[in-house]
């Protein structure tokens, strides 16, 4: 029954779209910041990306998880702060539609994981 609940979300469509992430980057950030530390590590981002079997990964897109991490890590300190995430996501010049679509897919995966954990 729990599997059915997740499947119907996918069929009905998930609300994690690039437009929603640009409009509400703080909520998207919170999905990745599972420990509520105020930052995202390479491990947190890559763990989700590795679990996500998305179309952009099969095509070998330019935007793999490390390139996304580097784009979001403005100061190069190997962590993405909430402020960095919000600043980059909100700027279409810094973070284009293809990269944002990748983040949307990762957010969708994180939301599914969170929903599944709450059902257990």
C-alpha atoms as a PDB file:
ATOM      1  CA  UNK A   1       0.000   0.000   0.000  1.00  0.00           C
ATOM      2  CA  UNK A   2       2.871   2.388   0.764  1.00  0.00           C
ATOM      3  CA  UNK A   3       4.339   1.681  -2.677  1.00  0.00           C
ATOM      4  CA  UNK A   4       0.962   2.514  -4.234  1.00  0.00           C
ATOM      5  CA  UNK A   5       0.949   5.887  -2.466  1.00  0.00           C
ATOM      6  CA  UNK A   6       4.352   6.792  -3.911  1.00  0.00           C
ATOM      7  CA  UNK A   7       3.427   5.555  -7.380  1.00  0.00           C
ATOM      8  CA  UNK A   8       0.272   7.654  -7.467  1.00  0.00           C
ATOM      9  CA  UNK A   9       2.327  10.739  -6.626  1.00  0.00           C
ATOM     10  CA  UNK A  10       4.447  10.104  -9.682  1.00  0.00           C
ATOM     11  CA  UNK A  11       1.400   9.486 -11.853  1.00  0.00           C
ATOM     12  CA  UNK A  12      -0.381  12.582 -10.593  1.00  0.00           C
ATOM     13  CA  UNK A  13       2.772  14.644 -11.031  1.00  0.00           C
ATOM     14  CA  UNK A  14       5.019  16.028  -8.382  1.00  0.00           C
ATOM     15  CA  UNK A  15       5.040  19.689  -7.502  1.00  0.00           C
ATOM     16  CA  UNK A  16       8.845  20.017  -7.539  1.00  0.00           C
ATOM     17  CA  UNK A  17       9.273  21.984 -10.726  1.00  0.00           C
ATOM     18  CA  UNK A  18      12.062  24.373 -11.735  1.00  0.00           C
ATOM     19  CA  UNK A  19       9.639  27.290 -11.319  1.00  0.00           C
ATOM     20  CA  UNK A  20       8.733  26.226  -7.777  1.00  0.00           C
ATOM     21  CA  UNK A  21      12.392  25.889  -6.820  1.00  0.00           C
ATOM     22  CA  UNK A  22      13.204  29.375  -8.137  1.00  0.00           C
ATOM     23  CA  UNK A  23      10.200  30.759  -6.248  1.00  0.00           C
ATOM     24  CA  UNK A  24      10.922  28.866  -3.003  1.00  0.00           C
ATOM     25  CA  UNK A  25      14.600  27.844  -2.822  1.00  0.00           C
ATOM     26  CA  UNK A  26      14.590  27.657   1.000  1.00  0.00           C
ATOM     27  CA  UNK A  27      12.163  24.741   1.009  1.00  0.00           C
ATOM     28  CA  UNK A  28      14.202  22.939  -1.652  1.00  0.00           C
ATOM     29  CA  UNK A  29      17.361  23.543   0.386  1.00  0.00           C
ATOM     30  CA  UNK A  30      15.719  22.046   3.481  1.00  0.00           C
ATOM     31  CA  UNK A  31      15.146  18.760   1.640  1.00  0.00           C
ATOM     32  CA  UNK A  32      18.895  18.330   1.165  1.00  0.00           C
ATOM     33  CA  UNK A  33      19.866  19.674   4.592  1.00  0.00           C
ATOM     34  CA  UNK A  34      18.540  16.606   6.367  1.00  0.00           C
ATOM     35  CA  UNK A  35      20.527  17.263   9.569  1.00  0.00           C
ATOM     36  CA  UNK A  36      19.406  20.907   9.639  1.00  0.00           C
ATOM     37  CA  UNK A  37      22.987  22.160   9.828  1.00  0.00           C
ATOM     38  CA  UNK A  38      22.396  25.081   7.472  1.00  0.00           C
ATOM     39  CA  UNK A  39      24.597  23.615   4.755  1.00  0.00           C
ATOM     40  CA  UNK A  40      24.694  20.831   2.177  1.00  0.00           C
ATOM     41  CA  UNK A  41      27.774  18.653   1.817  1.00  0.00           C
ATOM     42  CA  UNK A  42      29.043  16.929  -1.302  1.00  0.00           C
ATOM     43  CA  UNK A  43      27.960  13.632   0.273  1.00  0.00           C
ATOM     44  CA  UNK A  44      24.367  14.815   0.841  1.00  0.00           C
ATOM     45  CA  UNK A  45      23.997  16.013  -2.742  1.00  0.00           C
ATOM     46  CA  UNK A  46      25.779  13.069  -4.371  1.00  0.00           C
ATOM     47  CA  UNK A  47      23.911  10.463  -2.304  1.00  0.00           C
ATOM     48  CA  UNK A  48      20.621  11.739  -3.679  1.00  0.00           C
ATOM     49  CA  UNK A  49      21.985  12.049  -7.211  1.00  0.00           C
ATOM     50  CA  UNK A  50      23.256   8.468  -7.174  1.00  0.00           C
ATOM     51  CA  UNK A  51      19.819   7.226  -6.066  1.00  0.00           C
ATOM     52  CA  UNK A  52      18.110   9.194  -8.821  1.00  0.00           C
ATOM     53  CA  UNK A  53      17.946   7.375 -12.135  1.00  0.00           C
ATOM     54  CA  UNK A  54      16.975  10.449 -14.112  1.00  0.00           C
ATOM     55  CA  UNK A  55      16.998  11.004 -17.845  1.00  0.00           C
ATOM     56  CA  UNK A  56      19.697  13.678 -17.703  1.00  0.00           C
ATOM     57  CA  UNK A  57      22.154  11.188 -16.161  1.00  0.00           C
ATOM     58  CA  UNK A  58      21.549   8.590 -18.891  1.00  0.00           C
ATOM     59  CA  UNK A  59      22.161  11.210 -21.572  1.00  0.00           C
ATOM     60  CA  UNK A  60      25.492  12.125 -19.961  1.00  0.00           C
ATOM     61  CA  UNK A  61      24.473  15.750 -19.507  1.00  0.00           C
ATOM     62  CA  UNK A  62      27.011  18.416 -18.703  1.00  0.00           C
ATOM     63  CA  UNK A  63      25.271  18.935 -15.371  1.00  0.00           C
ATOM     64  CA  UNK A  64      26.419  16.005 -13.280  1.00  0.00           C
ATOM     65  CA  UNK A  65      26.258  16.200  -9.522  1.00  0.00           C
ATOM     66  CA  UNK A  66      29.787  17.565  -9.014  1.00  0.00           C
ATOM     67  CA  UNK A  67      29.297  20.338 -11.543  1.00  0.00           C
ATOM     68  CA  UNK A  68      26.059  21.274  -9.833  1.00  0.00           C
ATOM     69  CA  UNK A  69      27.788  21.262  -6.457  1.00  0.00           C
ATOM     70  CA  UNK A  70      30.577  23.502  -7.766  1.00  0.00           C
ATOM     71  CA  UNK A  71      28.056  25.923  -9.267  1.00  0.00           C
ATOM     72  CA  UNK A  72      26.230  26.175  -5.939  1.00  0.00           C
ATOM     73  CA  UNK A  73      29.372  26.420  -3.780  1.00  0.00           C
ATOM     74  CA  UNK A  74      30.201  30.069  -4.476  1.00  0.00           C
ATOM     75  CA  UNK A  75      33.043  30.443  -1.987  1.00  0.00           C
ATOM     76  CA  UNK A  76      34.660  27.081  -2.770  1.00  0.00           C
ATOM     77  CA  UNK A  77      34.666  25.851   0.846  1.00  0.00           C
ATOM     78  CA  UNK A  78      33.197  22.429  -0.107  1.00  0.00           C
ATOM     79  CA  UNK A  79      29.835  23.096   1.519  1.00  0.00           C
ATOM     80  CA  UNK A  80      26.767  24.853   0.154  1.00  0.00           C
ATOM     81  CA  UNK A  81      25.266  27.306   2.615  1.00  0.00           C
ATOM     82  CA  UNK A  82      21.592  28.225   2.554  1.00  0.00           C
ATOM     83  CA  UNK A  83      22.551  31.717   1.336  1.00  0.00           C
ATOM     84  CA  UNK A  84      24.677  30.334  -1.517  1.00  0.00           C
ATOM     85  CA  UNK A  85      21.880  27.989  -2.588  1.00  0.00           C
ATOM     86  CA  UNK A  86      19.287  30.754  -2.583  1.00  0.00           C
ATOM     87  CA  UNK A  87      21.558  33.212  -4.395  1.00  0.00           C
ATOM     88  CA  UNK A  88      22.528  30.809  -7.182  1.00  0.00           C
ATOM     89  CA  UNK A  89      19.111  29.192  -7.665  1.00  0.00           C
ATOM     90  CA  UNK A  90      17.477  32.611  -7.892  1.00  0.00           C
ATOM     91  CA  UNK A  91      19.792  33.800 -10.678  1.00  0.00           C
ATOM     92  CA  UNK A  92      18.981  32.322 -14.125  1.00  0.00           C
ATOM     93  CA  UNK A  93      22.312  33.640 -15.424  1.00  0.00           C
ATOM     94  CA  UNK A  94      24.277  31.608 -12.858  1.00  0.00           C
ATOM     95  CA  UNK A  95      22.066  28.528 -12.850  1.00  0.00           C
ATOM     96  CA  UNK A  96      20.303  27.727 -16.115  1.00  0.00           C
ATOM     97  CA  UNK A  97      17.155  25.772 -16.808  1.00  0.00           C
ATOM     98  CA  UNK A  98      18.901  22.443 -17.441  1.00  0.00           C
ATOM     99  CA  UNK A  99      20.719  22.572 -14.104  1.00  0.00           C
ATOM    100  CA  UNK A 100      17.541  23.673 -12.358  1.00  0.00           C
ATOM    101  CA  UNK A 101      15.649  20.750 -13.895  1.00  0.00           C
ATOM    102  CA  UNK A 102      18.294  18.462 -12.409  1.00  0.00           C
ATOM    103  CA  UNK A 103      17.800  20.013  -8.968  1.00  0.00           C
ATOM    104  CA  UNK A 104      14.027  19.611  -9.392  1.00  0.00           C
ATOM    105  CA  UNK A 105      14.512  15.900 -10.062  1.00  0.00           C
ATOM    106  CA  UNK A 106      16.732  15.596  -6.988  1.00  0.00           C
ATOM    107  CA  UNK A 107      14.153  17.466  -4.882  1.00  0.00           C
ATOM    108  CA  UNK A 108      11.490  15.091  -6.109  1.00  0.00           C
ATOM    109  CA  UNK A 109      13.637  12.147  -5.004  1.00  0.00           C
ATOM    110  CA  UNK A 110      14.331  13.719  -1.588  1.00  0.00           C
ATOM    111  CA  UNK A 111      10.611  14.409  -1.094  1.00  0.00           C
ATOM    112  CA  UNK A 112       9.765  10.786  -1.944  1.00  0.00           C
ATOM    113  CA  UNK A 113      12.375   9.544   0.548  1.00  0.00           C
ATOM    114  CA  UNK A 114      11.001  11.894   3.220  1.00  0.00           C
ATOM    115  CA  UNK A 115       7.408  10.796   2.565  1.00  0.00           C
ATOM    116  CA  UNK A 116       8.389   7.132   2.687  1.00  0.00           C
ATOM    117  CA  UNK A 117      10.240   7.618   5.989  1.00  0.00           C
ATOM    118  CA  UNK A 118       7.174   9.315   7.481  1.00  0.00           C
ATOM    119  CA  UNK A 119       4.978   6.386   6.420  1.00  0.00           C
ATOM    120  CA  UNK A 120       7.150   3.824   8.171  1.00  0.00           C
END
